[in-house]
Structure formats: structure tokens, C-alpha cells
Protein backbone atom coordinates (compact mmCIF):
# COMPACT_ATOMS: atom_id res chain seq x y z
CA MET A 1 68.06 34.45 72.33
CA SER A 2 70.42 35.77 69.54
CA SER A 3 69.88 35.96 65.85
CA PRO A 4 72.13 34.01 63.91
CA THR A 5 74.85 36.03 61.87
CA SER A 6 77.18 35.37 59.34
CA ASP A 7 79.59 34.87 62.34
CA SER A 8 77.71 31.95 63.92
CA HIS A 9 79.80 29.29 65.28
CA VAL A 10 79.42 25.98 63.07
CA GLU A 11 80.81 22.69 64.24
CA PRO A 12 83.31 20.77 62.38
CA ALA A 13 82.78 17.66 60.68
CA ASP A 14 83.27 14.73 62.69
CA GLU A 15 86.70 13.49 61.55
CA ASN A 16 85.79 9.77 62.29
CA LEU A 17 82.56 9.67 59.70
CA PRO A 18 83.67 7.84 56.48
CA GLU A 19 83.48 8.94 53.40
CA ARG A 20 80.45 9.28 51.27
CA ASP A 21 80.90 7.23 49.09
CA ASP A 22 81.64 4.72 51.17
CA LEU A 23 78.21 5.02 52.75
CA TYR A 24 76.57 4.06 49.36
CA ALA A 25 79.45 1.15 48.45
CA ASN A 26 78.06 -0.65 45.32
CA PRO A 27 76.85 -4.37 46.72
CA GLY A 28 77.67 -5.90 43.41
CA LEU A 29 75.85 -9.29 42.48
CA HIS A 30 75.21 -12.04 44.63
CA GLU A 31 77.12 -15.43 43.89
CA HIS A 32 75.35 -16.92 41.06
CA GLU A 33 73.49 -20.05 41.48
CA TRP A 34 73.13 -22.89 39.04
CA ARG A 35 69.50 -24.06 38.55
CA PRO A 36 69.56 -27.86 38.37
CA THR A 37 68.85 -27.90 34.45
CA ASP A 38 72.22 -26.12 33.95
CA VAL A 39 74.04 -28.73 35.70
CA ASP A 40 71.95 -31.82 35.44
CA PRO A 41 71.70 -33.39 31.43
CA LYS A 42 69.12 -35.54 32.83
CA ALA A 43 67.45 -33.08 34.45
CA GLU A 44 67.38 -30.50 31.15
CA LYS A 45 65.82 -32.75 29.51
CA ARG A 46 63.00 -33.66 32.01
CA ALA A 47 62.53 -29.87 31.57
CA GLU A 48 61.67 -30.38 27.61
CA ARG A 49 59.82 -33.22 28.29
CA GLN A 50 57.69 -31.30 30.62
CA VAL A 51 57.43 -28.25 28.31
CA ALA A 52 56.63 -30.41 25.10
CA THR A 53 53.79 -31.95 27.03
CA LEU A 54 52.44 -28.81 27.99
CA PHE A 55 52.08 -27.98 24.33
CA GLY A 56 50.88 -30.96 23.49
CA LEU A 57 47.99 -30.71 26.07
CA SER A 58 47.09 -27.50 24.60
CA ALA A 59 46.98 -28.96 21.06
CA ILE A 60 44.37 -31.55 22.53
CA CYS A 61 42.46 -29.09 24.61
CA THR A 62 42.26 -27.53 20.60
CA VAL A 63 40.93 -30.63 19.47
CA LEU A 64 38.48 -30.92 21.75
CA PHE A 65 36.99 -27.48 20.87
CA VAL A 66 36.84 -28.51 17.28
CA VAL A 67 35.44 -31.96 18.20
CA THR A 68 33.17 -30.40 20.51
CA TYR A 69 31.57 -28.00 17.70
CA PHE A 70 30.60 -30.62 15.70
CA THR A 71 29.35 -33.40 17.81
CA VAL A 72 27.92 -31.56 20.70
CA ASP A 73 24.06 -29.75 19.85
CA ALA A 74 24.03 -25.93 20.35
CA ASP A 75 20.34 -26.79 22.42
CA ASP A 76 22.39 -29.29 24.82
CA THR A 77 22.46 -28.45 28.40
CA PHE A 78 24.86 -30.13 31.27
CA ALA A 79 23.75 -28.34 35.05
CA GLY A 80 21.61 -26.18 33.70
CA LEU A 81 24.23 -24.60 31.27
CA GLY A 82 24.59 -24.41 27.47
CA ALA A 83 26.67 -27.70 27.15
CA GLN A 84 28.16 -26.52 23.52
CA ASN A 85 29.14 -23.04 25.57
CA LEU A 86 30.51 -24.25 28.53
CA ALA A 87 32.80 -27.20 26.56
CA PHE A 88 33.86 -24.17 24.34
CA GLY A 89 35.21 -22.44 27.14
CA LEU A 90 36.77 -24.64 29.24
CA SER A 91 38.67 -26.44 25.83
CA LEU A 92 39.50 -22.65 24.70
CA ALA A 93 40.68 -22.10 28.20
CA GLY A 94 42.71 -25.27 28.70
CA ALA A 95 44.60 -24.54 25.04
CA LEU A 96 45.44 -21.12 25.74
CA LEU A 97 46.34 -21.78 29.40
CA PHE A 98 48.54 -24.98 29.06
CA ILE A 99 50.64 -22.77 26.24
CA GLY A 100 50.80 -20.48 28.66
CA ILE A 101 52.22 -22.74 31.65
CA GLY A 102 54.35 -24.04 28.76
CA VAL A 103 56.67 -21.03 27.75
CA ILE A 104 56.83 -19.96 31.73
CA GLN A 105 58.46 -23.27 32.45
CA TRP A 106 60.52 -22.86 29.20
CA ALA A 107 61.73 -19.52 30.04
CA ARG A 108 62.04 -20.56 34.22
CA LYS A 109 64.21 -23.81 33.46
CA LEU A 110 65.56 -23.89 29.86
CA MET A 111 66.10 -20.09 28.37
CA SER A 112 70.05 -18.70 29.79
CA ASP A 113 69.65 -17.53 33.38
CA GLN A 114 72.46 -14.75 33.83
CA GLU A 115 72.01 -11.82 35.87
CA ILE A 116 72.65 -8.31 33.76
CA ILE A 117 73.22 -5.00 34.67
CA GLU A 118 71.19 -1.95 32.39
CA TYR A 119 72.56 1.51 33.17
CA ARG A 120 70.26 4.42 32.37
CA HIS A 121 70.88 5.82 28.90
CA PRO A 122 69.40 9.28 27.09
CA ALA A 123 65.91 8.79 25.76
CA SER A 124 67.59 9.08 22.42
CA SER A 125 69.58 5.89 22.25
CA SER A 126 73.01 6.24 20.41
CA ASP A 127 74.21 4.50 17.62
CA GLU A 128 76.42 2.29 19.41
CA ASP A 129 73.44 1.47 21.73
CA ARG A 130 70.89 0.30 19.04
CA ALA A 131 73.44 -1.49 17.67
CA ALA A 132 74.21 -3.47 21.26
CA THR A 133 70.50 -3.97 21.34
CA LEU A 134 69.94 -5.85 18.53
CA GLU A 135 72.97 -7.84 19.64
CA ALA A 136 71.40 -8.30 22.60
CA LEU A 137 68.09 -9.83 20.94
CA SER A 138 70.14 -11.56 18.83
CA THR A 139 72.16 -13.17 21.68
CA GLY A 140 68.76 -13.76 23.83
CA LEU A 141 67.27 -15.48 20.79
CA ALA A 142 70.11 -17.75 20.72
CA GLU A 143 70.49 -17.91 24.28
CA SER A 144 66.39 -19.43 24.44
CA GLY A 145 67.91 -22.62 22.72
CA ILE A 146 64.80 -22.51 20.14
CA GLY A 147 67.04 -23.47 17.83
CA ARG A 148 68.76 -26.56 19.77
CA ARG A 149 65.31 -27.54 20.98
CA PRO A 150 63.73 -28.82 18.32
CA MET A 151 61.15 -30.83 21.03
CA VAL A 152 59.91 -27.23 22.79
CA ARG A 153 60.10 -25.82 19.37
CA ASN A 154 58.11 -28.27 17.14
CA SER A 155 55.75 -28.55 20.33
CA LEU A 156 54.99 -24.62 20.65
CA LEU A 157 54.59 -24.15 16.97
CA GLY A 158 51.99 -27.09 16.46
CA ALA A 159 50.12 -26.11 19.81
CA ALA A 160 49.92 -22.18 18.78
CA GLY A 161 49.09 -22.98 15.19
CA LEU A 162 46.40 -25.27 16.16
CA VAL A 163 44.65 -22.57 18.95
CA GLY A 164 44.04 -20.37 15.32
CA LEU A 165 41.12 -23.16 14.60
CA THR A 166 39.39 -22.21 17.52
CA ALA A 167 38.93 -18.91 15.66
CA ILE A 168 38.06 -20.51 12.07
CA VAL A 169 35.94 -23.46 13.00
CA PRO A 170 33.42 -21.49 13.93
CA LEU A 171 32.92 -19.72 10.67
CA TRP A 172 31.55 -22.96 9.64
CA ASP A 173 27.82 -20.89 11.02
CA LEU A 174 27.97 -18.30 8.54
CA GLY A 175 26.36 -21.20 6.11
CA PRO A 176 25.85 -21.33 2.51
CA THR A 177 25.44 -19.08 0.29
CA ASN A 178 22.75 -18.17 -2.17
CA ALA A 179 24.45 -19.89 -5.05
CA ASP A 180 24.30 -22.80 -2.90
CA VAL A 181 20.52 -23.00 -1.98
CA THR A 182 19.05 -21.87 -4.96
CA ASP A 183 18.06 -25.30 -5.79
CA ASN A 184 17.34 -27.00 -2.40
CA PRO A 185 17.29 -24.44 0.54
CA PRO A 186 17.49 -25.42 3.93
CA PHE A 187 14.99 -23.54 5.23
CA PRO A 188 12.81 -20.33 4.36
CA GLY A 189 15.14 -17.44 3.34
CA SER A 190 18.83 -19.19 3.09
CA GLY A 191 21.03 -17.38 0.97
CA LEU A 192 23.00 -13.55 1.29
CA GLU A 193 20.20 -12.53 -1.40
CA ASN A 194 16.81 -13.97 0.45
CA THR A 195 14.86 -13.47 3.43
CA ILE A 196 11.48 -15.08 4.26
CA TRP A 197 9.13 -12.75 2.87
CA ASP A 198 6.94 -13.89 0.03
CA LYS A 199 4.23 -12.85 -2.48
CA GLY A 200 0.91 -12.75 0.23
CA MET A 201 2.69 -13.01 3.52
CA ARG A 202 1.01 -10.85 6.26
CA VAL A 203 2.95 -8.11 7.99
CA VAL A 204 2.68 -8.80 12.04
CA ARG A 205 3.85 -7.50 14.80
CA ASP A 206 6.77 -8.25 16.59
CA VAL A 207 7.13 -10.54 19.47
CA VAL A 208 3.07 -11.04 19.40
CA GLY A 209 2.61 -11.84 15.69
CA THR A 210 -0.63 -9.90 15.45
CA PRO A 211 -1.40 -8.96 11.53
CA ILE A 212 -1.49 -5.38 11.12
CA LYS A 213 -4.31 -3.29 9.16
CA PRO A 214 -3.89 0.11 7.65
CA SER A 215 -6.33 1.55 10.00
CA ASP A 216 -4.69 0.52 12.98
CA LEU A 217 -1.93 2.70 12.07
CA GLN A 218 -2.13 6.79 12.66
CA ILE A 219 -0.07 9.26 11.03
CA GLY A 220 3.33 9.22 12.82
CA ASP A 221 3.15 5.93 14.01
CA LEU A 222 5.83 3.68 13.73
CA VAL A 223 5.32 -0.39 14.46
CA ASN A 224 8.32 -2.79 14.81
CA ALA A 225 7.01 -5.98 12.42
CA GLU A 226 7.97 -9.27 11.15
CA PRO A 227 7.04 -11.56 8.19
CA GLU A 228 4.01 -14.00 9.60
CA GLY A 229 6.35 -16.77 8.80
CA LEU A 230 8.36 -16.77 11.74
CA PHE A 231 5.26 -17.18 13.65
CA LYS A 232 3.18 -19.48 11.15
CA SER A 233 5.46 -21.34 8.79
CA PRO A 234 3.05 -21.69 5.09
CA GLU A 235 4.13 -25.43 4.48
CA ASP A 236 2.78 -26.63 7.90
CA GLY A 237 1.51 -23.96 9.42
CA GLU A 238 4.30 -24.12 12.50
CA PRO A 239 6.43 -21.24 13.62
CA LEU A 240 9.86 -21.02 13.00
CA GLU A 241 12.36 -22.46 15.78
CA GLY A 242 16.50 -22.57 16.08
CA VAL A 243 18.41 -21.89 13.05
CA ALA A 244 15.80 -21.10 10.67
CA LEU A 245 14.31 -18.75 13.44
CA GLN A 246 17.37 -16.94 13.89
CA VAL A 247 17.88 -16.16 10.22
CA GLY A 248 14.49 -15.24 9.60
CA LYS A 249 14.58 -12.69 12.01
CA SER A 250 17.96 -11.55 11.60
CA LYS A 251 16.96 -10.41 7.60
CA GLY A 252 13.15 -10.03 7.81
CA ALA A 253 12.89 -7.63 10.38
CA VAL A 254 10.89 -4.24 9.25
CA VAL A 255 9.56 -1.00 10.33
CA LEU A 256 5.80 0.22 9.19
CA VAL A 257 5.57 3.88 9.25
CA ARG A 258 2.68 6.28 8.29
CA MET A 259 2.61 9.22 6.99
CA GLU A 260 0.60 11.76 4.53
CA PRO A 261 0.54 10.14 1.74
CA ASP A 262 1.21 13.67 -0.15
CA GLU A 263 4.45 13.76 1.57
CA ILE A 264 5.66 10.46 0.02
CA ILE A 265 8.05 10.39 -2.74
CA PRO A 266 8.28 7.12 -4.34
CA GLY A 267 11.30 5.66 -6.35
CA SER A 268 10.95 4.50 -9.90
CA GLY A 269 8.90 1.53 -10.14
CA ARG A 270 7.65 1.74 -6.44
CA GLU A 271 4.72 4.28 -7.03
CA ASN A 272 2.40 1.20 -5.96
CA TRP A 273 4.51 0.04 -2.94
CA SER A 274 2.67 1.78 0.26
CA VAL A 275 -0.91 1.64 1.24
CA ASP A 276 -2.72 4.86 2.53
CA GLY A 277 0.25 6.28 3.20
CA ILE A 278 2.50 3.46 5.04
CA VAL A 279 5.61 2.51 3.64
CA CYS A 280 7.83 -0.32 4.99
CA TYR A 281 11.39 -0.84 5.48
CA SER A 282 13.85 -2.82 6.20
CA LYS A 283 15.14 -2.44 9.92
CA ILE A 284 18.65 -3.67 9.48
CA CYS A 285 20.72 -0.98 8.89
CA THR A 286 23.13 -0.99 5.50
CA HIS A 287 26.35 -0.09 7.06
CA VAL A 288 27.11 -2.66 9.60
CA GLY A 289 23.52 -4.23 10.26
CA CYS A 290 22.25 -2.82 13.71
CA PRO A 291 19.13 -2.82 14.20
CA ILE A 292 17.39 0.47 13.45
CA SER A 293 14.09 2.25 15.05
CA LEU A 294 14.60 5.61 16.27
CA TYR A 295 12.01 7.80 14.34
CA GLU A 296 11.92 11.39 14.03
CA ARG A 297 7.74 11.67 12.56
CA THR A 298 8.17 15.58 11.67
CA THR A 299 11.21 15.33 9.37
CA HIS A 300 10.00 11.11 8.80
CA HIS A 301 14.08 10.69 9.37
CA LEU A 302 15.49 7.33 10.69
CA LEU A 303 18.24 7.14 12.69
CA CYS A 304 20.97 4.08 13.31
CA PRO A 305 21.79 4.66 17.10
CA CYS A 306 25.27 2.75 16.09
CA HIS A 307 26.69 5.13 14.20
CA GLN A 308 24.13 7.55 13.64
CA SER A 309 23.47 6.75 9.67
CA THR A 310 20.24 9.05 8.96
CA PHE A 311 17.51 7.54 5.98
CA ASP A 312 14.90 9.85 5.24
CA LEU A 313 11.49 7.22 4.86
CA ALA A 314 9.47 9.68 2.51
CA ASP A 315 12.29 9.46 -0.11
CA SER A 316 12.48 5.60 -0.59
CA ALA A 317 15.18 5.81 3.03
CA LYS A 318 17.79 7.51 0.91
CA VAL A 319 21.06 8.17 3.48
CA ILE A 320 21.24 11.85 4.46
CA PHE A 321 23.92 11.16 6.98
CA GLY A 322 26.25 9.16 8.47
CA PRO A 323 28.65 5.63 7.04
CA ALA A 324 25.67 3.83 5.30
CA ALA A 325 26.48 3.52 1.36
CA ARG A 326 23.04 2.85 0.01
CA PRO A 327 19.11 3.11 1.45
CA LEU A 328 17.16 0.66 3.28
CA PRO A 329 15.50 -2.09 1.09
CA GLN A 330 11.96 -1.27 0.75
CA LEU A 331 9.57 -3.97 1.01
CA PRO A 332 6.39 -3.68 -1.40
CA LEU A 333 3.33 -3.77 0.61
CA ALA A 334 -0.61 -4.49 -0.21
CA VAL A 335 -4.09 -5.51 1.57
CA ASP A 336 -5.17 -8.72 1.58
CA GLY A 337 -8.86 -9.96 0.99
CA GLU A 338 -9.33 -9.84 4.89
CA GLY A 339 -7.85 -6.14 4.88
CA TYR A 340 -4.08 -6.69 6.53
CA LEU A 341 -1.61 -5.73 5.27
CA ILE A 342 0.71 -7.96 3.04
CA ALA A 343 3.85 -8.21 0.70
CA GLN A 344 3.77 -7.78 -2.68
CA SER A 345 7.12 -9.95 -3.11
CA ASP A 346 10.31 -10.42 -1.24
CA PHE A 347 12.50 -7.51 -0.97
CA THR A 348 14.20 -6.86 -4.46
CA GLU A 349 17.62 -6.45 -3.24
CA PRO A 350 19.58 -7.99 -0.28
CA VAL A 351 18.78 -6.61 3.12
CA GLY A 352 21.87 -5.78 5.76
CA PRO A 353 25.42 -4.33 5.27
CA SER A 354 26.36 -4.16 1.62
CA TYR A 355 29.09 -6.58 0.21
CA TRP A 356 31.42 -6.65 -2.50
CA GLU A 357 29.01 -8.00 -5.29
CA ARG A 358 26.68 -5.18 -5.10
CA GLY A 359 26.72 -2.67 -7.33
């Protein structure tokens, strides 16, 4: 077999083959097919009514969401599921679904139906292209027909506006502020600046509710605790339930820590707030309200797992690292006649995340 050389024979091109440009001829656009709504005014009006009806159904679903919020109790059940949450999910899903279907129908049947070609262009558009784009956007807005279809436009705006209520109405659950509940609180601990803690209330272990004596804690121990009022109301001796329980737990949760008494640096006026080296602080981080209990016993540092705010429990829970803006509120402790830890009073400052009224 001989190797190819510069003198190798090359077959001439077939003269019968078509030119290359003919192999990839532009197929062009197919003949435009008009939609029924493009040629039949009755079909167009019928499509408008369909789209407006879909937007109206969305509005009805939103109204059902609001009605459910005020009429269905959070404790009610349906087929083993929470009735209120089920109704919330179905009504909100319907509100968003009907808006989506309505917009799709609007685009398919009523918006301008034209085939266009867009050629590739450099990444940086020229001024002419930018002007053309703005003109195309204006043309598209005009061709959508929103200006000349008031039924579609108004029903869409009404449905979309009502959907916003699904985010606004649940804010009612934030409850009254401290100014509204000072004279007649709906349950213990109502208001931004109050908790369920009160003078003489025992500190009990979380979950089980057993009271705590100073001798129950060893040096270095950290105990998650709650106010006894969650388990035994001062008024009738019954445990709290429902909203009252959740509010009480959310603001009353604390941590007890025992250290050597001489390691404690008491704040001004807090010299008698500890008992035998036991100090008590709110468990709610002052940054965004995460529950914290990650304790480093040798340094007495308490770490929030959410954003790493770190508090020195030996020094009035001052912030030594992280985004928290103020120390953890401290609960003043004492011992009752039976030797159990009790609160001297409620917290002297609001617990939880900082808000604008605080100095």
C-alpha cells in the first residue's frame, strides 16, 4: 500500500450536486392560522367572559380564605386534619390557580397572535436595538388588549389585589399591644412588655413542670426551665391551654445556670438576683428570638445557634459576639419557704428581639 503524497489523486466534485446554499434553504414561516377569537366577535366576547370568570373565582377563593380565618376555630378537625389549615390551603391555592389559568387563557385566546423572528445579536445591544426593544414592549402592551378590555383588566386587578389579603389578615394573630391590655389582659403575660412571670412564682423544669431547689443543680449545670404558671395557673390551679399557653411559653422560657458565686459579676442593682451562684436568664435571643441553650461551662458563654450571638452569663449576659444588640434579660431569683427557686418579680425589661420603642 502506498502512502498518500502531494500528488495523490483527488476525485473531482460531482457537478450534479446542488449548491450548498440550496441544501439549507430557508423554510420560511407556515401560513398563519387564525384563531376563532381573531375572526369571530362572539368567540372573542365569550373568551373575555371566561377570563373574567376565572379572575372572579380567584376573588371568591380569597374571600373564603378571610372568612375561614374568622369563622373556623384553629382546634377544629376534618378527616383527621386541621380544618382551618386545610381551608387556608385550599382557598389560597384556588385563588392563585384561577389567576394563573385566567392569565394563560387571556394569552392564548385574546392577546395578539403573530409569528416573529429574532436574529442573534451581540451581547451589548446597540442604541437602535434598545430603542426597538422599548418600542416592542410598548407594542406588546398595546397588543395585550389590556387597555381596551376593561372587563379583563378590572377583574385581574380585583383578583390580584384581594390575594394580598391572605398575607395581611393573619397579622391579626399578632394580638394586642401592651397599651391595649394593661387594664384588662385577655390572658396572663399579654402585651409586648409583660410575661407570665410574677412575684413568688416557682421556677420549674421544662416539659415536666417539677420545681427546682438550689441543691438540685451542680456547678456548671444548665437547666431549661419555665414558669410554674404554665402548669398551674395562680387563679384556678389549672394548666394554661391554647393561645395563652403558647404566649406564656414563647416569652417565659428561661435557662438556669449554676457557677461559683465569686465568678458572678452582678449588674447595678442586681446584687441579690442570684441564689448560691444560680442565675436565671431569658432563653429567647435578643437578636431575632431564637431559643438558645448551647452553654460552654468553663467560660460561662451561651451561644445562639441561629446567628452565633454569644452572651456572657457571668457578666449580666452581656453580648460578646454576634449581631444581638443587647444582653439577655435577667430574672431575679429567690427561695420560698419550702426551699424552691422562685421569681422575685417579672422581668424588668421586655424579652425577645429588640424593637424600636426600647431605649
